Protein backbone atom coordinates (compact mmCIF):
# COMPACT_ATOMS: atom_id res chain seq x y z
CA MET A 1 -3.40 -20.54 -31.53
CA ALA A 2 -4.99 -21.69 -28.31
CA SER A 3 -6.85 -19.46 -25.95
CA GLN A 4 -5.39 -19.26 -22.45
CA VAL A 5 -8.84 -18.59 -20.98
CA THR A 6 -12.34 -19.87 -21.48
CA GLY A 7 -14.86 -17.56 -23.06
CA ARG A 8 -17.69 -17.21 -25.50
CA VAL A 9 -16.71 -16.25 -29.04
CA ALA A 10 -17.70 -12.61 -29.48
CA LYS A 11 -16.17 -11.92 -32.88
CA VAL A 12 -14.24 -13.87 -35.53
CA ILE A 13 -11.89 -11.45 -37.25
CA VAL A 14 -10.35 -13.70 -39.92
CA LYS A 15 -11.52 -16.41 -42.29
CA PRO A 16 -9.72 -19.34 -43.89
CA GLY A 17 -7.30 -18.16 -46.54
CA ASP A 18 -6.53 -14.81 -44.88
CA ILE A 19 -2.85 -13.91 -44.64
CA VAL A 20 -1.93 -12.79 -41.11
CA LYS A 21 1.16 -11.45 -39.39
CA ALA A 22 2.32 -12.59 -35.96
CA GLY A 23 0.31 -10.72 -33.34
CA ALA A 24 -2.69 -10.14 -35.60
CA LEU A 25 -6.08 -10.43 -33.88
CA LEU A 26 -7.88 -13.62 -34.96
CA VAL A 27 -10.78 -14.00 -32.52
CA GLU A 28 -12.25 -11.97 -29.70
CA LEU A 29 -13.72 -13.84 -26.75
CA ASP A 30 -16.12 -12.57 -24.13
CA ASN A 31 -16.03 -13.62 -20.48
CA PRO A 32 -17.90 -11.18 -18.22
CA GLN A 33 -16.66 -12.98 -15.10
CA LEU A 34 -13.02 -12.38 -16.05
CA VAL A 35 -13.71 -8.74 -16.80
CA ALA A 36 -15.56 -8.35 -13.47
CA SER A 37 -12.70 -10.08 -11.64
CA ALA A 38 -10.22 -7.68 -13.21
CA GLU A 39 -12.37 -4.72 -12.17
CA GLU A 40 -12.58 -6.10 -8.62
CA ALA A 41 -8.81 -6.61 -8.57
CA ARG A 42 -8.28 -3.00 -9.70
CA SER A 43 -10.68 -1.74 -7.05
CA ALA A 44 -8.96 -3.81 -4.32
CA TRP A 45 -5.53 -2.54 -5.40
CA GLU A 46 -6.70 1.09 -5.51
CA GLY A 47 -8.28 0.66 -2.08
CA ALA A 48 -5.04 -0.74 -0.66
CA VAL A 49 -3.02 2.12 -2.14
CA ASN A 50 -5.44 4.68 -0.68
CA GLU A 51 -5.43 2.92 2.70
CA ALA A 52 -1.64 3.05 2.71
CA LYS A 53 -1.71 6.79 1.96
CA ALA A 54 -4.30 7.42 4.69
CA ALA A 55 -2.35 5.31 7.17
CA GLN A 56 0.82 7.23 6.35
CA ALA A 57 -0.91 10.54 6.99
CA GLU A 58 -2.44 9.30 10.25
CA LEU A 59 0.81 7.79 11.48
CA ARG A 60 2.73 10.97 10.64
CA ALA A 61 0.13 13.01 12.54
CA ASN A 62 0.53 10.69 15.54
CA LEU A 63 4.28 11.17 15.36
CA LEU A 64 3.87 14.96 15.30
CA THR A 65 1.53 14.81 18.29
CA GLN A 66 4.08 12.77 20.20
CA GLU A 67 6.84 15.13 19.15
CA ALA A 68 4.80 17.98 20.64
CA MET A 69 4.44 15.99 23.87
CA LEU A 70 8.19 15.38 23.91
CA THR A 71 8.90 19.09 23.40
CA GLN A 72 6.47 19.98 26.17
CA ALA A 73 8.21 17.51 28.52
CA LYS A 74 11.60 19.09 27.69
CA PHE A 75 10.33 22.59 28.50
CA THR A 76 8.65 21.40 31.70
CA LEU A 77 11.92 19.82 32.83
CA GLN A 78 13.91 22.94 31.95
CA ARG A 79 11.50 25.11 33.96
CA ALA A 80 11.80 22.77 36.93
CA GLN A 81 15.61 22.76 36.65
CA VAL A 82 15.76 26.57 36.53
CA ARG A 83 13.49 26.81 39.56
CA LEU A 84 15.54 24.21 41.46
CA ALA A 85 18.77 26.05 40.68
CA ALA A 86 17.30 29.29 42.02
CA GLU A 87 15.82 27.57 45.08
CA ASN A 88 19.10 25.78 45.73
CA LYS A 89 20.76 29.15 46.44
CA LEU A 90 17.79 30.33 48.49
CA ALA A 91 17.63 27.09 50.50
CA GLY A 92 21.29 27.50 51.45
CA GLN A 93 20.43 30.93 52.85
CA ARG A 94 17.26 29.56 54.50
CA ILE A 95 15.07 31.99 52.56
CA ILE A 96 12.64 29.27 51.36
CA SER A 97 11.15 26.40 53.29
CA ASP A 98 12.63 22.93 53.06
CA ILE A 99 9.33 21.57 51.82
CA ASP A 100 9.34 23.97 48.84
CA TYR A 101 12.93 23.03 48.05
CA GLN A 102 12.17 19.28 48.26
CA SER A 103 9.11 19.82 46.06
CA SER A 104 11.31 21.47 43.42
CA LYS A 105 13.72 18.52 43.55
CA LEU A 106 10.78 16.13 43.04
CA ASN A 107 9.56 18.22 40.10
CA VAL A 108 12.97 17.87 38.42
CA ALA A 109 13.04 14.12 39.06
CA GLN A 110 9.50 13.82 37.70
CA GLY A 111 10.46 15.92 34.67
CA ILE A 112 13.43 13.63 33.94
CA GLU A 113 11.19 10.54 34.12
CA GLN A 114 8.48 12.18 32.00
CA LEU A 115 11.01 13.25 29.37
CA ALA A 116 12.45 9.72 29.18
CA LEU A 117 8.94 8.26 28.86
CA GLU A 118 7.93 10.71 26.13
CA GLN A 119 11.20 10.01 24.27
CA SER A 120 10.49 6.26 24.45
CA ARG A 121 6.96 6.81 23.13
CA PHE A 122 8.29 8.97 20.33
CA ASN A 123 10.85 6.30 19.33
CA ALA A 124 8.21 3.56 19.45
CA ILE A 125 5.78 5.53 17.30
CA ARG A 126 8.53 6.42 14.81
CA ASP A 127 9.64 2.77 14.54
CA ASN A 128 6.02 1.59 14.27
CA ILE A 129 5.41 3.92 11.32
CA GLU A 130 7.94 2.08 9.19
CA VAL A 131 6.52 -1.32 10.12
CA GLN A 132 2.92 -0.25 9.52
CA LEU A 133 3.76 1.33 6.17
CA ASP A 134 5.76 -1.75 5.10
CA VAL A 135 2.76 -3.96 5.89
CA ARG A 136 0.42 -1.71 3.91
CA GLN A 137 2.87 -1.52 1.00
CA SER A 138 3.24 -5.31 0.95
CA ARG A 139 -0.53 -5.69 0.76
CA ALA A 140 -0.73 -3.14 -2.06
CA ASN A 141 2.08 -4.95 -3.90
CA ALA A 142 0.30 -8.31 -3.56
CA LEU A 143 -2.90 -6.78 -4.91
CA ALA A 144 -0.96 -5.15 -7.77
CA ARG A 145 0.33 -8.60 -8.76
CA ALA A 146 -3.22 -9.99 -8.58
CA LEU A 147 -4.37 -7.10 -10.78
CA ASP A 148 -1.62 -7.86 -13.31
CA ARG A 149 -2.73 -11.50 -13.45
CA ALA A 150 -6.38 -10.46 -13.91
CA LYS A 151 -5.41 -8.02 -16.68
CA ASP A 152 -3.41 -10.78 -18.38
CA GLU A 153 -6.45 -13.06 -18.29
CA VAL A 154 -8.64 -10.35 -19.81
CA GLY A 155 -5.93 -9.74 -22.42
CA ASN A 156 -6.09 -13.44 -23.24
CA LEU A 157 -9.67 -12.93 -24.41
CA GLN A 158 -8.06 -11.78 -27.64
CA ILE A 159 -6.61 -14.67 -29.61
CA LEU A 160 -3.65 -13.49 -31.64
CA ALA A 161 -1.66 -15.16 -34.40
CA GLY A 162 1.57 -16.58 -33.06
CA ILE A 163 3.35 -16.58 -36.43
CA ASP A 164 3.05 -15.10 -39.89
CA GLY A 165 1.02 -17.34 -42.19
CA VAL A 166 -2.23 -18.21 -43.92
CA VAL A 167 -5.31 -19.08 -41.90
CA GLN A 168 -6.19 -22.66 -42.69
CA ASP A 169 -9.23 -23.20 -40.51
CA ILE A 170 -11.38 -21.27 -38.02
CA SER A 171 -13.49 -23.84 -36.27
CA VAL A 172 -15.40 -21.51 -33.97
CA ASP A 173 -18.71 -19.70 -34.27
CA VAL A 174 -19.82 -16.46 -32.68
CA GLY A 175 -21.73 -17.15 -29.48
CA HIS A 176 -20.14 -20.53 -28.78
CA GLY A 177 -17.85 -21.37 -25.90
CA HIS A 178 -14.19 -21.58 -26.81
CA ARG A 179 -10.96 -23.09 -25.59
CA THR A 180 -9.70 -24.86 -28.70
CA THR A 181 -6.76 -24.32 -31.00
CA ILE A 182 -7.25 -22.14 -34.06
CA GLY A 183 -5.01 -20.05 -36.24
CA PRO A 184 -2.61 -19.82 -39.13
CA ARG A 185 -0.21 -22.40 -40.46
CA GLY A 186 3.14 -21.22 -41.69
């Protein structure tokens, strides 16, 4: 079998003449850089997952804040509309001044504009949440794939028999660098 990665021979498990089954461990390699890279990949992936969770919580909180603003704008408009309706009757009877009546009409118009603005903000924040979370999830997915590759490389530090057979030759020594073919012959 050939090693898929470069490493220093840490342990030779078999010797010539040993009978092995496919998948049996033949040699263990050591490569601290690969192990460190895998640990860094895990840390980066975990960080991205946690960032995505934190971003989700923050974005949801922003949406709730905007929803509160939207609700407040609705109530403000309703109050202005109720006042205008009452003042409309009073203005017809000349019980209130024209300036108060015009002010109430402006308050309703302002309330309508404010409500529309708050609704637009709410929609934008809601739509932005999905985009932001998709970006964070994509980053976490990319780092998960990098972690899988790093784990595969670390897994390749174990040289396994590819077939059942008898070990003919082990031409490696503990402590030496390795990237040669060794293993059983069927």
